[in-house]
Amino acid sequence: MPDLDYLRREIERMRIQMGQQRKEILQLQRAGLGTASAEALLLRMEAKVESLCAQRDALKAAQPRQTKGRVLGGRTW
């Protein structure tokens, strides 16, 4: 199973690619060309990001919570 850092990097990379894909779709629409296959690809990319986010959330929930340190003087905020 991938680690948390890998999933975060992969999600960020995929989100960048999705933004580029959206720009390409807009360019195709402005040129009057069909965008059905590009939109289908974008939907698959979005589904992949959603599954990666679910994996990330599951890994994050499985990790033990870190407690906050105390402030000087022993106060907890």
PDB file of N, CA and C in Angstrom:
ATOM      1  N   MET A   1       0.857  -1.183   0.000  1.00  0.00           N
ATOM      2  CA  MET A   1       0.000   0.000   0.000  1.00  0.00           C
ATOM      3  C   MET A   1       0.898   1.240   0.000  1.00  0.00           C
ATOM      4  N   PRO A   2       0.545   2.228  -0.826  1.00  0.00           N
ATOM      5  CA  PRO A   2       1.378   3.433  -0.892  1.00  0.00           C
ATOM      6  C   PRO A   2       1.350   4.217   0.415  1.00  0.00           C
ATOM      7  N   ASP A   3       2.415   4.967   0.625  1.00  0.00           N
ATOM      8  CA  ASP A   3       2.458   5.768   1.852  1.00  0.00           C
ATOM      9  C   ASP A   3       1.762   7.104   1.639  1.00  0.00           C
ATOM     10  N   LEU A   4       1.581   7.814   2.728  1.00  0.00           N
ATOM     11  CA  LEU A   4       0.811   9.060   2.727  1.00  0.00           C
ATOM     12  C   LEU A   4       1.458  10.132   1.853  1.00  0.00           C
ATOM     13  N   ASP A   5       2.777  10.267   1.936  1.00  0.00           N
ATOM     14  CA  ASP A   5       3.462  11.290   1.138  1.00  0.00           C
ATOM     15  C   ASP A   5       3.322  11.018  -0.351  1.00  0.00           C
ATOM     16  N   TYR A   6       3.441   9.748  -0.742  1.00  0.00           N
ATOM     17  CA  TYR A   6       3.284   9.395  -2.148  1.00  0.00           C
ATOM     18  C   TYR A   6       1.891   9.775  -2.641  1.00  0.00           C
ATOM     19  N   LEU A   7       0.877   9.445  -1.856  1.00  0.00           N
ATOM     20  CA  LEU A   7      -0.498   9.758  -2.262  1.00  0.00           C
ATOM     21  C   LEU A   7      -0.701  11.262  -2.403  1.00  0.00           C
ATOM     22  N   ARG A   8      -0.148  12.034  -1.483  1.00  0.00           N
ATOM     23  CA  ARG A   8      -0.291  13.487  -1.569  1.00  0.00           C
ATOM     24  C   ARG A   8       0.374  14.041  -2.822  1.00  0.00           C
ATOM     25  N   ARG A   9       1.561  13.534  -3.144  1.00  0.00           N
ATOM     26  CA  ARG A   9       2.255  13.987  -4.356  1.00  0.00           C
ATOM     27  C   ARG A   9       1.486  13.590  -5.611  1.00  0.00           C
ATOM     28  N   GLU A  10       0.969  12.375  -5.619  1.00  0.00           N
ATOM     29  CA  GLU A  10       0.238  11.889  -6.783  1.00  0.00           C
ATOM     30  C   GLU A  10      -1.058  12.679  -6.982  1.00  0.00           C
ATOM     31  N   ILE A  11      -1.750  13.010  -5.902  1.00  0.00           N
ATOM     32  CA  ILE A  11      -2.970  13.811  -6.000  1.00  0.00           C
ATOM     33  C   ILE A  11      -2.639  15.184  -6.570  1.00  0.00           C
ATOM     34  N   GLU A  12      -1.576  15.808  -6.084  1.00  0.00           N
ATOM     35  CA  GLU A  12      -1.184  17.127  -6.586  1.00  0.00           C
ATOM     36  C   GLU A  12      -0.825  17.061  -8.069  1.00  0.00           C
ATOM     37  N   ARG A  13      -0.090  16.028  -8.464  1.00  0.00           N
ATOM     38  CA  ARG A  13       0.302  15.878  -9.867  1.00  0.00           C
ATOM     39  C   ARG A  13      -0.927  15.705 -10.757  1.00  0.00           C
ATOM     40  N   MET A  14      -1.868  14.878 -10.297  1.00  0.00           N
ATOM     41  CA  MET A  14      -3.081  14.638 -11.079  1.00  0.00           C
ATOM     42  C   MET A  14      -3.945  15.901 -11.180  1.00  0.00           C
ATOM     43  N   ARG A  15      -3.991  16.683 -10.120  1.00  0.00           N
ATOM     44  CA  ARG A  15      -4.770  17.926 -10.164  1.00  0.00           C
ATOM     45  C   ARG A  15      -4.176  18.911 -11.163  1.00  0.00           C
ATOM     46  N   ILE A  16      -2.865  18.953 -11.235  1.00  0.00           N
ATOM     47  CA  ILE A  16      -2.209  19.817 -12.232  1.00  0.00           C
ATOM     48  C   ILE A  16      -2.557  19.335 -13.635  1.00  0.00           C
ATOM     49  N   GLN A  17      -2.493  18.034 -13.853  1.00  0.00           N
ATOM     50  CA  GLN A  17      -2.839  17.479 -15.156  1.00  0.00           C
ATOM     51  C   GLN A  17      -4.294  17.756 -15.514  1.00  0.00           C
ATOM     52  N   MET A  18      -5.180  17.696 -14.518  1.00  0.00           N
ATOM     53  CA  MET A  18      -6.592  17.980 -14.785  1.00  0.00           C
ATOM     54  C   MET A  18      -6.780  19.426 -15.210  1.00  0.00           C
ATOM     55  N   GLY A  19      -6.046  20.346 -14.597  1.00  0.00           N
ATOM     56  CA  GLY A  19      -6.124  21.746 -15.005  1.00  0.00           C
ATOM     57  C   GLY A  19      -5.657  21.932 -16.433  1.00  0.00           C
ATOM     58  N   GLN A  20      -4.586  21.246 -16.801  1.00  0.00           N
ATOM     59  CA  GLN A  20      -4.095  21.323 -18.178  1.00  0.00           C
ATOM     60  C   GLN A  20      -5.117  20.736 -19.138  1.00  0.00           C
ATOM     61  N   GLN A  21      -5.752  19.647 -18.734  1.00  0.00           N
ATOM     62  CA  GLN A  21      -6.762  19.019 -19.582  1.00  0.00           C
ATOM     63  C   GLN A  21      -7.954  19.950 -19.781  1.00  0.00           C
ATOM     64  N   ARG A  22      -8.357  20.647 -18.728  1.00  0.00           N
ATOM     65  CA  ARG A  22      -9.471  21.601 -18.854  1.00  0.00           C
ATOM     66  C   ARG A  22      -9.125  22.719 -19.835  1.00  0.00           C
ATOM     67  N   LYS A  23      -7.895  23.203 -19.769  1.00  0.00           N
ATOM     68  CA  LYS A  23      -7.463  24.248 -20.703  1.00  0.00           C
ATOM     69  C   LYS A  23      -7.482  23.740 -22.136  1.00  0.00           C
ATOM     70  N   GLU A  24      -7.039  22.507 -22.339  1.00  0.00           N
ATOM     71  CA  GLU A  24      -7.055  21.930 -23.680  1.00  0.00           C
ATOM     72  C   GLU A  24      -8.484  21.775 -24.195  1.00  0.00           C
ATOM     73  N   ILE A  25      -9.397  21.390 -23.318  1.00  0.00           N
ATOM     74  CA  ILE A  25     -10.806  21.256 -23.720  1.00  0.00           C
ATOM     75  C   ILE A  25     -11.351  22.610 -24.159  1.00  0.00           C
ATOM     76  N   LEU A  26     -11.025  23.666 -23.386  1.00  0.00           N
ATOM     77  CA  LEU A  26     -11.478  25.007 -23.781  1.00  0.00           C
ATOM     78  C   LEU A  26     -10.914  25.412 -25.132  1.00  0.00           C
ATOM     79  N   GLN A  27      -9.662  25.086 -25.380  1.00  0.00           N
ATOM     80  CA  GLN A  27      -9.058  25.412 -26.675  1.00  0.00           C
ATOM     81  C   GLN A  27      -9.756  24.659 -27.802  1.00  0.00           C
ATOM     82  N   LEU A  28     -10.071  23.393 -27.576  1.00  0.00           N
ATOM     83  CA  LEU A  28     -10.775  22.613 -28.591  1.00  0.00           C
ATOM     84  C   LEU A  28     -12.163  23.175 -28.845  1.00  0.00           C
ATOM     85  N   GLN A  29     -12.846  23.599 -27.773  1.00  0.00           N
ATOM     86  CA  GLN A  29     -14.186  24.166 -27.932  1.00  0.00           C
ATOM     87  C   GLN A  29     -14.139  25.468 -28.710  1.00  0.00           C
ATOM     88  N   ARG A  30     -13.135  26.297 -28.425  1.00  0.00           N
ATOM     89  CA  ARG A  30     -12.996  27.566 -29.160  1.00  0.00           C
ATOM     90  C   ARG A  30     -12.715  27.325 -30.640  1.00  0.00           C
ATOM     91  N   ALA A  31     -11.996  26.246 -30.922  1.00  0.00           N
ATOM     92  CA  ALA A  31     -11.667  25.918 -32.311  1.00  0.00           C
ATOM     93  C   ALA A  31     -12.831  25.225 -33.014  1.00  0.00           C
ATOM     94  N   GLY A  32     -13.865  24.886 -32.266  1.00  0.00           N
ATOM     95  CA  GLY A  32     -15.033  24.242 -32.855  1.00  0.00           C
ATOM     96  C   GLY A  32     -14.859  22.746 -33.069  1.00  0.00           C
ATOM     97  N   LEU A  33     -13.942  22.135 -32.360  1.00  0.00           N
ATOM     98  CA  LEU A  33     -13.701  20.704 -32.498  1.00  0.00           C
ATOM     99  C   LEU A  33     -14.434  19.933 -31.407  1.00  0.00           C
ATOM    100  N   GLY A  34     -14.628  18.654 -31.648  1.00  0.00           N
ATOM    101  CA  GLY A  34     -15.306  17.796 -30.681  1.00  0.00           C
ATOM    102  C   GLY A  34     -14.443  17.563 -29.450  1.00  0.00           C
ATOM    103  N   THR A  35     -15.082  17.532 -28.283  1.00  0.00           N
ATOM    104  CA  THR A  35     -14.344  17.385 -27.032  1.00  0.00           C
ATOM    105  C   THR A  35     -14.805  16.179 -26.218  1.00  0.00           C
ATOM    106  N   ALA A  36     -15.578  15.295 -26.831  1.00  0.00           N
ATOM    107  CA  ALA A  36     -16.156  14.179 -26.082  1.00  0.00           C
ATOM    108  C   ALA A  36     -15.069  13.282 -25.485  1.00  0.00           C
ATOM    109  N   SER A  37     -14.068  12.930 -26.269  1.00  0.00           N
ATOM    110  CA  SER A  37     -13.031  12.031 -25.749  1.00  0.00           C
ATOM    111  C   SER A  37     -12.184  12.729 -24.679  1.00  0.00           C
ATOM    112  N   ALA A  38     -11.927  14.023 -24.870  1.00  0.00           N
ATOM    113  CA  ALA A  38     -11.151  14.767 -23.874  1.00  0.00           C
ATOM    114  C   ALA A  38     -11.930  14.898 -22.573  1.00  0.00           C
ATOM    115  N   GLU A  39     -13.241  15.099 -22.667  1.00  0.00           N
ATOM    116  CA  GLU A  39     -14.067  15.196 -21.472  1.00  0.00           C
ATOM    117  C   GLU A  39     -14.170  13.847 -20.755  1.00  0.00           C
ATOM    118  N   ALA A  40     -14.200  12.756 -21.544  1.00  0.00           N
ATOM    119  CA  ALA A  40     -14.234  11.418 -20.938  1.00  0.00           C
ATOM    120  C   ALA A  40     -12.936  11.158 -20.173  1.00  0.00           C
ATOM    121  N   LEU A  41     -11.819  11.578 -20.760  1.00  0.00           N
ATOM    122  CA  LEU A  41     -10.535  11.433 -20.078  1.00  0.00           C
ATOM    123  C   LEU A  41     -10.519  12.233 -18.783  1.00  0.00           C
ATOM    124  N   LEU A  42     -11.051  13.454 -18.818  1.00  0.00           N
ATOM    125  CA  LEU A  42     -11.113  14.291 -17.626  1.00  0.00           C
ATOM    126  C   LEU A  42     -11.949  13.631 -16.532  1.00  0.00           C
ATOM    127  N   LEU A  43     -13.062  13.004 -16.905  1.00  0.00           N
ATOM    128  CA  LEU A  43     -13.892  12.300 -15.930  1.00  0.00           C
ATOM    129  C   LEU A  43     -13.146  11.130 -15.299  1.00  0.00           C
ATOM    130  N   ARG A  44     -12.375  10.397 -16.103  1.00  0.00           N
ATOM    131  CA  ARG A  44     -11.580   9.292 -15.555  1.00  0.00           C
ATOM    132  C   ARG A  44     -10.508   9.814 -14.609  1.00  0.00           C
ATOM    133  N   MET A  45      -9.907  10.941 -14.962  1.00  0.00           N
ATOM    134  CA  MET A  45      -8.888  11.540 -14.099  1.00  0.00           C
ATOM    135  C   MET A  45      -9.499  11.972 -12.775  1.00  0.00           C
ATOM    136  N   GLU A  46     -10.690  12.581 -12.825  1.00  0.00           N
ATOM    137  CA  GLU A  46     -11.366  13.013 -11.607  1.00  0.00           C
ATOM    138  C   GLU A  46     -11.709  11.819 -10.719  1.00  0.00           C
ATOM    139  N   ALA A  47     -12.138  10.714 -11.332  1.00  0.00           N
ATOM    140  CA  ALA A  47     -12.453   9.512 -10.557  1.00  0.00           C
ATOM    141  C   ALA A  47     -11.193   8.956  -9.890  1.00  0.00           C
ATOM    142  N   LYS A  48     -10.083   9.000 -10.610  1.00  0.00           N
ATOM    143  CA  LYS A  48      -8.823   8.510 -10.050  1.00  0.00           C
ATOM    144  C   LYS A  48      -8.397   9.369  -8.860  1.00  0.00           C
ATOM    145  N   VAL A  49      -8.543  10.696  -8.987  1.00  0.00           N
ATOM    146  CA  VAL A  49      -8.175  11.589  -7.883  1.00  0.00           C
ATOM    147  C   VAL A  49      -9.074  11.330  -6.674  1.00  0.00           C
ATOM    148  N   GLU A  50     -10.346  11.111  -6.920  1.00  0.00           N
ATOM    149  CA  GLU A  50     -11.257  10.813  -5.810  1.00  0.00           C
ATOM    150  C   GLU A  50     -10.861   9.532  -5.089  1.00  0.00           C
ATOM    151  N   SER A  51     -10.453   8.496  -5.841  1.00  0.00           N
ATOM    152  CA  SER A  51     -10.036   7.254  -5.202  1.00  0.00           C
ATOM    153  C   SER A  51      -8.729   7.448  -4.434  1.00  0.00           C
ATOM    154  N   LEU A  52      -7.811   8.255  -4.982  1.00  0.00           N
ATOM    155  CA  LEU A  52      -6.564   8.546  -4.275  1.00  0.00           C
ATOM    156  C   LEU A  52      -6.841   9.321  -2.986  1.00  0.00           C
ATOM    157  N   CYS A  53      -7.790  10.255  -3.036  1.00  0.00           N
ATOM    158  CA  CYS A  53      -8.153  11.019  -1.839  1.00  0.00           C
ATOM    159  C   CYS A  53      -8.761  10.094  -0.777  1.00  0.00           C
ATOM    160  N   ALA A  54      -9.555   9.132  -1.205  1.00  0.00           N
ATOM    161  CA  ALA A  54     -10.139   8.185  -0.257  1.00  0.00           C
ATOM    162  C   ALA A  54      -9.044   7.348   0.399  1.00  0.00           C
ATOM    163  N   GLN A  55      -8.061   6.909  -0.405  1.00  0.00           N
ATOM    164  CA  GLN A  55      -6.936   6.156   0.154  1.00  0.00           C
ATOM    165  C   GLN A  55      -6.153   7.009   1.141  1.00  0.00           C
ATOM    166  N   ARG A  56      -5.921   8.273   0.762  1.00  0.00           N
ATOM    167  CA  ARG A  56      -5.179   9.188   1.635  1.00  0.00           C
ATOM    168  C   ARG A  56      -5.910   9.385   2.951  1.00  0.00           C
ATOM    169  N   ASP A  57      -7.219   9.597   2.876  1.00  0.00           N
ATOM    170  CA  ASP A  57      -8.004   9.810   4.087  1.00  0.00           C
ATOM    171  C   ASP A  57      -7.997   8.573   4.983  1.00  0.00           C
ATOM    172  N   ALA A  58      -8.038   7.387   4.377  1.00  0.00           N
ATOM    173  CA  ALA A  58      -8.015   6.154   5.160  1.00  0.00           C
ATOM    174  C   ALA A  58      -6.665   5.996   5.855  1.00  0.00           C
ATOM    175  N   LEU A  59      -5.577   6.294   5.143  1.00  0.00           N
ATOM    176  CA  LEU A  59      -4.253   6.194   5.754  1.00  0.00           C
ATOM    177  C   LEU A  59      -4.086   7.210   6.873  1.00  0.00           C
ATOM    178  N   LYS A  60      -4.607   8.414   6.628  1.00  0.00           N
ATOM    179  CA  LYS A  60      -4.494   9.462   7.634  1.00  0.00           C
ATOM    180  C   LYS A  60      -5.275   9.095   8.894  1.00  0.00           C
ATOM    181  N   ALA A  61      -6.434   8.500   8.715  1.00  0.00           N
ATOM    182  CA  ALA A  61      -7.253   8.111   9.867  1.00  0.00           C
ATOM    183  C   ALA A  61      -6.605   6.959  10.641  1.00  0.00           C
ATOM    184  N   ALA A  62      -5.846   6.111   9.937  1.00  0.00           N
ATOM    185  CA  ALA A  62      -5.218   4.961  10.595  1.00  0.00           C
ATOM    186  C   ALA A  62      -3.977   5.356  11.392  1.00  0.00           C
ATOM    187  N   GLN A  63      -3.412   6.527  11.096  1.00  0.00           N
ATOM    188  CA  GLN A  63      -2.223   6.953  11.826  1.00  0.00           C
ATOM    189  C   GLN A  63      -2.598   7.447  13.215  1.00  0.00           C
ATOM    190  N   PRO A  64      -1.729   7.206  14.193  1.00  0.00           N
ATOM    191  CA  PRO A  64      -2.013   7.731  15.537  1.00  0.00           C
ATOM    192  C   PRO A  64      -1.936   9.254  15.530  1.00  0.00           C
ATOM    193  N   ARG A  65      -2.818   9.862  16.287  1.00  0.00           N
ATOM    194  CA  ARG A  65      -2.850  11.322  16.350  1.00  0.00           C
ATOM    195  C   ARG A  65      -1.693  11.818  17.191  1.00  0.00           C
ATOM    196  N   GLN A  66      -1.085  12.890  16.725  1.00  0.00           N
ATOM    197  CA  GLN A  66       0.003  13.493  17.483  1.00  0.00           C
ATOM    198  C   GLN A  66      -0.590  14.533  18.420  1.00  0.00           C
ATOM    199  N   THR A  67      -0.150  14.486  19.673  1.00  0.00           N
ATOM    200  CA  THR A  67      -0.648  15.469  20.628  1.00  0.00           C
ATOM    201  C   THR A  67       0.190  16.725  20.522  1.00  0.00           C
ATOM    202  N   LYS A  68      -0.450  17.832  20.789  1.00  0.00           N
ATOM    203  CA  LYS A  68       0.262  19.102  20.739  1.00  0.00           C
ATOM    204  C   LYS A  68       1.159  19.234  21.961  1.00  0.00           C
ATOM    205  N   GLY A  69       2.314  19.830  21.760  1.00  0.00           N
ATOM    206  CA  GLY A  69       3.215  20.056  22.879  1.00  0.00           C
ATOM    207  C   GLY A  69       2.703  21.170  23.757  1.00  0.00           C
ATOM    208  N   ARG A  70       3.241  21.209  24.924  1.00  0.00           N
ATOM    209  CA  ARG A  70       2.813  22.259  25.857  1.00  0.00           C
ATOM    210  C   ARG A  70       3.622  23.519  25.628  1.00  0.00           C
ATOM    211  N   VAL A  71       2.984  24.631  25.864  1.00  0.00           N
ATOM    212  CA  VAL A  71       3.624  25.931  25.758  1.00  0.00           C
ATOM    213  C   VAL A  71       4.489  26.141  26.999  1.00  0.00           C
ATOM    214  N   LEU A  72       5.494  26.967  26.900  1.00  0.00           N
ATOM    215  CA  LEU A  72       6.329  27.255  28.051  1.00  0.00           C
ATOM    216  C   LEU A  72       5.464  27.662  29.233  1.00  0.00           C
ATOM    217  N   GLY A  73       5.799  27.187  30.395  1.00  0.00           N
ATOM    218  CA  GLY A  73       5.014  27.498  31.581  1.00  0.00           C
ATOM    219  C   GLY A  73       3.970  26.438  31.863  1.00  0.00           C
ATOM    220  N   GLY A  74       3.843  25.454  30.997  1.00  0.00           N
ATOM    221  CA  GLY A  74       2.934  24.356  31.248  1.00  0.00           C
ATOM    222  C   GLY A  74       1.516  24.580  30.820  1.00  0.00           C
ATOM    223  N   ARG A  75       1.213  25.691  30.191  1.00  0.00           N
ATOM    224  CA  ARG A  75      -0.162  25.957  29.768  1.00  0.00           C
ATOM    225  C   ARG A  75      -0.486  25.153  28.521  1.00  0.00           C
ATOM    226  N   THR A  76      -1.729  24.752  28.426  1.00  0.00           N
ATOM    227  CA  THR A  76      -2.208  24.123  27.194  1.00  0.00           C
ATOM    228  C   THR A  76      -3.228  25.066  26.581  1.00  0.00           C
ATOM    229  N   TRP A  77      -3.155  25.264  25.328  1.00  0.00           N
ATOM    230  CA  TRP A  77      -4.046  26.226  24.671  1.00  0.00           C
ATOM    231  C   TRP A  77      -5.100  25.494  23.904  1.00  0.00           C
TER     232      TRP A  77
END
